Amino acid sequence: MYTLLSLFFISLSGILIMVGRKLAIVQSGEILTKEYPHPFIADFQKIKSITLIGIKRYGYLSIVSIIRFHVKSTNLLRDKYQEIKNKLKDKIWQSQNENIKSEMQGVSNFLKTISDYKKKIKEIKDRISKEEENL
């Protein structure tokens, strides 16, 4: 029992010494107030600052990713547009060349037949003129 009483008075004297030091600081004009965070309740100012910093960082990251996506997609679309445009030009050019070739072949066949007829007519005229000379 005496040990418990002695421990109680020793701890009481320690508490009185700590309170006395704080009172001496307060009387001298140096007030140090420190807010100790509650172990179960978070500090709202810290939460607010951390949240704002996170929102800013993720905002910047999202803006950068959106701009990157936009630039890449426009480049891709422009390249695909040029590719399709060139393919269409080639197809149109090939079809026009085929039409021109078919027209040229048709014309050349027509001219061939005409030239053949002219040759035959010339041969016939030559025969007729030879027969008239012989008469």
Protein backbone atom coordinates (compact mmCIF):
# COMPACT_ATOMS: atom_id res chain seq x y z
CA MET A 1 0.00 0.00 0.00
CA TYR A 2 2.88 2.35 0.82
CA THR A 3 4.36 1.70 -2.62
CA LEU A 4 1.13 2.70 -4.34
CA LEU A 5 0.90 5.90 -2.31
CA SER A 6 4.53 6.72 -3.01
CA LEU A 7 4.03 6.15 -6.78
CA PHE A 8 0.90 8.31 -6.70
CA PHE A 9 2.73 11.23 -5.01
CA ILE A 10 5.73 10.90 -7.37
CA SER A 11 3.47 11.05 -10.43
CA LEU A 12 1.50 13.93 -8.88
CA SER A 13 4.70 15.87 -8.35
CA GLY A 14 5.75 15.20 -11.96
CA ILE A 15 2.43 16.52 -13.21
CA LEU A 16 2.78 19.61 -11.03
CA ILE A 17 6.28 20.28 -12.42
CA MET A 18 5.00 20.04 -16.03
CA VAL A 19 2.06 22.36 -15.32
CA GLY A 20 4.39 24.79 -13.51
CA ARG A 21 6.70 25.01 -16.54
CA LYS A 22 3.74 25.74 -18.83
CA LEU A 23 2.52 28.44 -16.44
CA ALA A 24 5.98 30.03 -16.41
CA ILE A 25 5.99 30.15 -20.23
CA VAL A 26 2.49 31.66 -20.34
CA GLN A 27 3.40 34.31 -17.76
CA SER A 28 6.51 35.31 -19.73
CA GLY A 29 4.37 35.94 -22.81
CA GLU A 30 5.46 33.00 -24.92
CA ILE A 31 2.28 31.12 -25.60
CA LEU A 32 2.84 27.98 -27.52
CA THR A 33 -0.39 26.37 -28.47
CA LYS A 34 -0.04 23.19 -30.34
CA GLU A 35 -3.05 21.42 -31.66
CA TYR A 36 -2.70 17.72 -31.45
CA PRO A 37 -4.69 15.78 -33.99
CA HIS A 38 -7.36 13.51 -32.77
CA PRO A 39 -6.49 9.89 -33.49
CA PHE A 40 -9.94 9.05 -34.87
CA ILE A 41 -10.98 12.32 -36.54
CA ALA A 42 -8.92 13.62 -39.45
CA ASP A 43 -7.81 17.23 -39.80
CA PHE A 44 -10.15 18.86 -42.33
CA GLN A 45 -7.62 21.46 -43.49
CA LYS A 46 -5.13 18.74 -44.39
CA ILE A 47 -7.82 16.76 -46.15
CA LYS A 48 -8.83 19.86 -48.10
CA SER A 49 -5.27 20.71 -49.16
CA ILE A 50 -4.47 17.11 -50.13
CA THR A 51 -7.72 16.89 -52.10
CA LEU A 52 -7.04 20.14 -53.97
CA ILE A 53 -3.52 19.04 -54.82
CA GLY A 54 -4.82 15.68 -56.08
CA ILE A 55 -7.58 17.31 -58.11
CA LYS A 56 -5.11 19.69 -59.75
CA ARG A 57 -2.68 16.91 -60.59
CA TYR A 58 -5.34 14.62 -62.01
CA GLY A 59 -6.90 17.56 -63.83
CA TYR A 60 -3.61 18.33 -65.56
CA LEU A 61 -3.07 14.67 -66.38
CA SER A 62 -6.56 14.35 -67.84
CA ILE A 63 -6.12 17.50 -69.95
CA VAL A 64 -2.79 16.24 -71.28
CA SER A 65 -4.25 12.82 -72.10
CA ILE A 66 -7.27 14.39 -73.83
CA ILE A 67 -5.04 16.63 -75.94
CA ARG A 68 -2.77 13.69 -76.80
CA PHE A 69 -5.77 11.60 -77.83
CA HIS A 70 -7.13 14.46 -79.94
CA VAL A 71 -3.83 15.02 -81.75
CA LYS A 72 -3.26 11.32 -82.39
CA SER A 73 -6.81 10.77 -83.62
CA THR A 74 -6.70 13.77 -85.97
CA ASN A 75 -3.36 12.59 -87.38
CA LEU A 76 -4.76 9.10 -87.85
CA LEU A 77 -7.90 10.43 -89.54
CA ARG A 78 -5.87 12.71 -91.80
CA ASP A 79 -3.58 9.85 -92.82
CA LYS A 80 -6.50 7.51 -93.48
CA TYR A 81 -8.28 10.26 -95.45
CA GLN A 82 -5.22 10.77 -97.65
CA GLU A 83 -4.86 7.02 -98.12
CA ILE A 84 -8.50 6.61 -99.16
CA LYS A 85 -8.27 9.69 -101.38
CA ASN A 86 -5.23 8.28 -103.17
CA LYS A 87 -6.93 4.89 -103.61
CA LEU A 88 -10.00 6.55 -105.09
CA LYS A 89 -7.85 8.62 -107.45
CA ASP A 90 -6.05 5.47 -108.58
CA LYS A 91 -9.36 3.65 -109.14
CA ILE A 92 -10.79 6.60 -111.11
CA TRP A 93 -7.58 6.91 -113.13
CA GLN A 94 -7.59 3.19 -113.91
CA SER A 95 -11.23 3.25 -114.97
CA GLN A 96 -10.64 6.30 -117.17
CA ASN A 97 -7.60 4.63 -118.74
CA GLU A 98 -9.64 1.50 -119.41
CA ASN A 99 -12.37 3.60 -121.03
CA ILE A 100 -9.83 5.43 -123.15
CA LYS A 101 -8.14 2.15 -124.15
CA SER A 102 -11.45 0.54 -125.01
CA GLU A 103 -12.42 3.60 -127.06
CA MET A 104 -9.04 3.57 -128.75
CA GLN A 105 -9.36 -0.13 -129.49
CA GLY A 106 -12.86 0.43 -130.75
CA VAL A 107 -11.73 3.30 -132.93
CA SER A 108 -8.72 1.42 -134.18
CA ASN A 109 -10.92 -1.57 -135.06
CA PHE A 110 -13.32 0.76 -136.82
CA LEU A 111 -10.46 2.40 -138.70
CA LYS A 112 -9.07 -1.00 -139.57
CA THR A 113 -12.34 -2.12 -141.08
CA ILE A 114 -12.63 1.15 -143.00
CA SER A 115 -9.11 0.84 -144.31
CA ASP A 116 -9.83 -2.76 -145.32
CA TYR A 117 -12.93 -1.60 -147.21
CA LYS A 118 -10.93 1.13 -148.88
CA LYS A 119 -8.34 -1.39 -149.99
CA LYS A 120 -11.02 -3.68 -151.35
CA ILE A 121 -12.70 -0.80 -153.17
CA LYS A 122 -9.34 0.24 -154.60
CA GLU A 123 -8.68 -3.30 -155.77
CA ILE A 124 -12.12 -3.44 -157.36
CA LYS A 125 -11.51 -0.09 -159.09
CA ASP A 126 -8.17 -1.33 -160.38
CA ARG A 127 -9.81 -4.48 -161.77
CA ILE A 128 -12.53 -2.44 -163.42
CA SER A 129 -10.02 -0.06 -164.96
CA LYS A 130 -7.91 -3.03 -166.24
CA GLU A 131 -10.97 -4.62 -167.80
CA GLU A 132 -11.97 -1.38 -169.52
CA GLU A 133 -8.48 -1.04 -170.96
CA ASN A 134 -8.67 -4.59 -172.27
CA LEU A 135 -11.91 -3.91 -174.09
